[in-house]
Amino acid sequence: LKINNYFFTQPLLTSDFLGFFIIGYLIKENFFNRKGENWLIIIGMVTLMLSIINDLTLKKVHMLNNIGNFLYSIALYLLVKRIVEFLYKYKSYQFKLFGILSGVSLGIYIIHPIFYEAIYKYVFHVTPDNWPEFVQLMNNPYEIFLVPIVSYIILSIVIVLLKKNKFVRMIIP
């Protein structure tokens, strides 16, 4: 299996995704008041709708650059956080499934580039070596919305099964 290393070459501190880590930490530590969080959710939902319109029109209506992903990720994180807090506080819901899923997130983060590479090569028959076809695939709404969900489900199962092995559990905590 030929694997490109373009996913692995950039250090975290110089990554474009550093903002995700910083804002995630701030949200986790309750840095924003309720009104500020509400504004972040509203802005995030608007950017999500604009991103969906942008994707469904195959980028003929170009309203956002790359900031949309960041903003609607913040909104999604805040909504999930609020739902979990509500369930925990008012319904005394047992979070066994959430505990399992949170335990697989690091493993998914580690192996998802290899998984994506295999999906692109063996399912879609496209690699970054053929750039025009690869870019066309990256702009396909099915790839944008379905591949991450399918990947999360499959990789969650794989990581749960791998973590049953004592050696793998030491590598992927």
Protein backbone atom coordinates (compact mmCIF):
# COMPACT_ATOMS: atom_id res chain seq x y z
CA LEU A 1 0.00 0.00 0.00
CA LYS A 2 1.63 3.23 -1.15
CA ILE A 3 0.88 5.91 1.42
CA ASN A 4 1.54 9.58 0.82
CA ASN A 5 3.02 11.42 3.76
CA TYR A 6 1.39 14.81 3.18
CA PHE A 7 -0.84 14.30 6.24
CA PHE A 8 2.10 13.76 8.57
CA THR A 9 4.64 16.44 7.63
CA GLN A 10 3.33 19.54 9.38
CA PRO A 11 4.01 20.03 13.09
CA LEU A 12 0.99 20.82 15.26
CA LEU A 13 2.21 24.27 16.34
CA THR A 14 2.38 25.51 12.74
CA SER A 15 -0.83 23.82 11.69
CA ASP A 16 -3.83 25.66 10.26
CA PHE A 17 -5.87 23.65 12.76
CA LEU A 18 -4.29 25.22 15.85
CA GLY A 19 -7.39 27.41 16.25
CA PHE A 20 -9.53 24.28 16.75
CA PHE A 21 -7.38 23.20 19.69
CA ILE A 22 -7.37 26.66 21.26
CA ILE A 23 -11.12 27.30 20.91
CA GLY A 24 -11.89 23.75 22.05
CA TYR A 25 -9.86 24.32 25.20
CA LEU A 26 -11.56 27.67 25.83
CA ILE A 27 -15.02 26.13 25.43
CA LYS A 28 -14.11 23.18 27.65
CA GLU A 29 -12.93 25.58 30.36
CA ASN A 30 -16.15 27.68 30.08
CA PHE A 31 -14.28 30.80 28.94
CA PHE A 32 -17.33 32.19 27.10
CA ASN A 33 -20.49 33.32 28.88
CA ARG A 34 -23.89 31.95 27.77
CA LYS A 35 -24.60 34.96 25.51
CA GLY A 36 -21.22 34.59 23.79
CA GLU A 37 -21.82 30.87 23.27
CA ASN A 38 -25.26 31.61 21.80
CA TRP A 39 -23.69 34.02 19.30
CA LEU A 40 -21.06 31.43 18.36
CA ILE A 41 -23.83 28.87 17.78
CA ILE A 42 -25.86 31.27 15.61
CA ILE A 43 -22.82 32.28 13.55
CA GLY A 44 -21.80 28.63 13.21
CA MET A 45 -25.25 27.53 12.02
CA VAL A 46 -25.32 30.36 9.45
CA THR A 47 -21.90 29.32 8.14
CA LEU A 48 -23.03 25.70 8.04
CA MET A 49 -26.04 26.64 5.90
CA LEU A 50 -23.82 28.76 3.63
CA SER A 51 -21.32 25.89 3.33
CA ILE A 52 -24.10 23.44 2.41
CA ILE A 53 -25.41 25.84 -0.23
CA ASN A 54 -21.86 26.28 -1.48
CA ASP A 55 -21.34 22.51 -1.72
CA LEU A 56 -24.72 21.72 -3.28
CA THR A 57 -24.17 24.33 -5.99
CA LEU A 58 -20.77 22.74 -6.65
CA LYS A 59 -19.06 25.95 -5.50
CA LYS A 60 -20.82 28.14 -8.07
CA VAL A 61 -22.04 30.26 -5.15
CA HIS A 62 -18.85 30.93 -3.24
CA MET A 63 -19.65 32.66 0.05
CA LEU A 64 -16.98 31.45 2.46
CA ASN A 65 -13.36 30.55 2.22
CA ASN A 66 -12.10 28.14 4.86
CA ILE A 67 -13.48 29.96 7.90
CA GLY A 68 -16.88 28.23 7.63
CA ASN A 69 -15.54 24.87 8.78
CA PHE A 70 -14.02 26.48 11.85
CA LEU A 71 -17.16 28.38 12.80
CA TYR A 72 -19.65 25.55 12.38
CA SER A 73 -17.32 23.17 14.21
CA ILE A 74 -17.44 25.55 17.17
CA ALA A 75 -21.25 25.59 17.01
CA LEU A 76 -21.42 21.80 16.79
CA TYR A 77 -19.08 21.40 19.77
CA LEU A 78 -21.10 23.85 21.84
CA LEU A 79 -24.38 22.10 20.96
CA VAL A 80 -23.02 18.66 21.81
CA LYS A 81 -21.58 20.03 25.07
CA ARG A 82 -24.94 21.52 26.03
CA ILE A 83 -26.86 18.35 25.18
CA VAL A 84 -24.46 16.23 27.23
CA GLU A 85 -24.65 18.65 30.17
CA PHE A 86 -28.46 18.61 29.97
CA LEU A 87 -28.64 14.82 29.88
CA TYR A 88 -26.18 14.51 32.73
CA LYS A 89 -27.77 17.16 34.93
CA TYR A 90 -31.49 16.59 34.38
CA LYS A 91 -31.86 13.04 33.15
CA SER A 92 -28.95 11.40 35.03
CA TYR A 93 -28.20 9.55 31.80
CA GLN A 94 -25.43 6.97 31.87
CA PHE A 95 -22.76 7.92 29.34
CA LYS A 96 -21.35 4.48 28.58
CA LEU A 97 -21.55 5.01 24.81
CA PHE A 98 -20.03 8.50 25.07
CA GLY A 99 -17.25 7.08 27.24
CA ILE A 100 -16.46 4.45 24.63
CA LEU A 101 -16.60 6.97 21.76
CA SER A 102 -14.42 9.50 23.56
CA GLY A 103 -11.92 6.73 24.21
CA VAL A 104 -11.54 6.02 20.49
CA SER A 105 -11.04 9.61 19.33
CA LEU A 106 -7.24 9.58 19.62
CA GLY A 107 -7.01 6.27 17.76
CA ILE A 108 -9.26 7.60 15.00
CA TYR A 109 -7.16 10.75 14.79
CA ILE A 110 -4.01 8.65 14.43
CA ILE A 111 -5.22 6.22 11.75
CA HIS A 112 -7.78 8.24 9.79
CA PRO A 113 -5.25 9.53 7.19
CA ILE A 114 -4.35 5.96 6.25
CA PHE A 115 -8.04 5.01 6.15
CA TYR A 116 -8.88 8.01 3.94
CA GLU A 117 -5.99 7.17 1.63
CA ALA A 118 -7.35 3.62 1.24
CA ILE A 119 -10.92 4.87 0.63
CA TYR A 120 -9.79 7.29 -2.03
CA LYS A 121 -7.65 4.69 -3.74
CA TYR A 122 -9.82 1.56 -3.52
CA VAL A 123 -13.38 2.92 -3.33
CA PHE A 124 -13.20 6.08 -5.43
CA HIS A 125 -10.16 4.99 -7.50
CA VAL A 126 -8.59 8.44 -7.18
CA THR A 127 -5.32 9.54 -5.62
CA PRO A 128 -3.72 12.96 -5.14
CA ASP A 129 -1.29 11.96 -7.89
CA ASN A 130 -4.13 12.63 -10.35
CA TRP A 131 -4.89 16.08 -8.99
CA PRO A 132 -7.83 17.18 -11.24
CA GLU A 133 -9.86 14.05 -10.43
CA PHE A 134 -8.87 14.24 -6.76
CA VAL A 135 -10.05 17.86 -6.48
CA GLN A 136 -13.30 16.90 -8.19
CA LEU A 137 -13.80 14.16 -5.58
CA MET A 138 -13.01 16.59 -2.74
CA ASN A 139 -15.77 18.90 -4.01
CA ASN A 140 -18.34 16.10 -4.22
CA PRO A 141 -21.07 16.59 -1.56
CA TYR A 142 -21.21 12.82 -0.93
CA GLU A 143 -17.52 12.78 -0.06
CA ILE A 144 -17.84 15.89 2.08
CA PHE A 145 -20.82 14.72 4.14
CA LEU A 146 -20.86 10.91 4.03
CA VAL A 147 -17.21 9.81 4.07
CA PRO A 148 -16.47 11.38 7.50
CA ILE A 149 -19.56 9.76 9.07
CA VAL A 150 -18.87 6.35 7.54
CA SER A 151 -15.20 6.65 8.49
CA TYR A 152 -16.06 7.53 12.09
CA ILE A 153 -18.37 4.55 12.44
CA ILE A 154 -15.95 2.06 10.87
CA LEU A 155 -12.88 3.40 12.67
CA SER A 156 -14.70 3.48 16.01
CA ILE A 157 -15.44 -0.21 15.69
CA VAL A 158 -11.87 -0.95 14.58
CA ILE A 159 -10.34 0.98 17.49
CA VAL A 160 -12.65 -0.65 20.05
CA LEU A 161 -11.63 -4.07 18.73
CA LEU A 162 -7.94 -3.13 18.60
CA LYS A 163 -8.03 -1.85 22.18
CA LYS A 164 -8.93 -5.33 23.37
CA ASN A 165 -5.29 -6.23 22.65
CA LYS A 166 -3.01 -5.31 25.58
CA PHE A 167 -0.10 -4.21 23.34
CA VAL A 168 -2.30 -1.96 21.18
CA ARG A 169 -3.87 -0.48 24.33
CA MET A 170 -0.40 0.71 25.40
CA ILE A 171 0.16 2.42 22.03
CA ILE A 172 -3.34 3.87 21.62
CA PRO A 173 -4.53 4.72 25.16
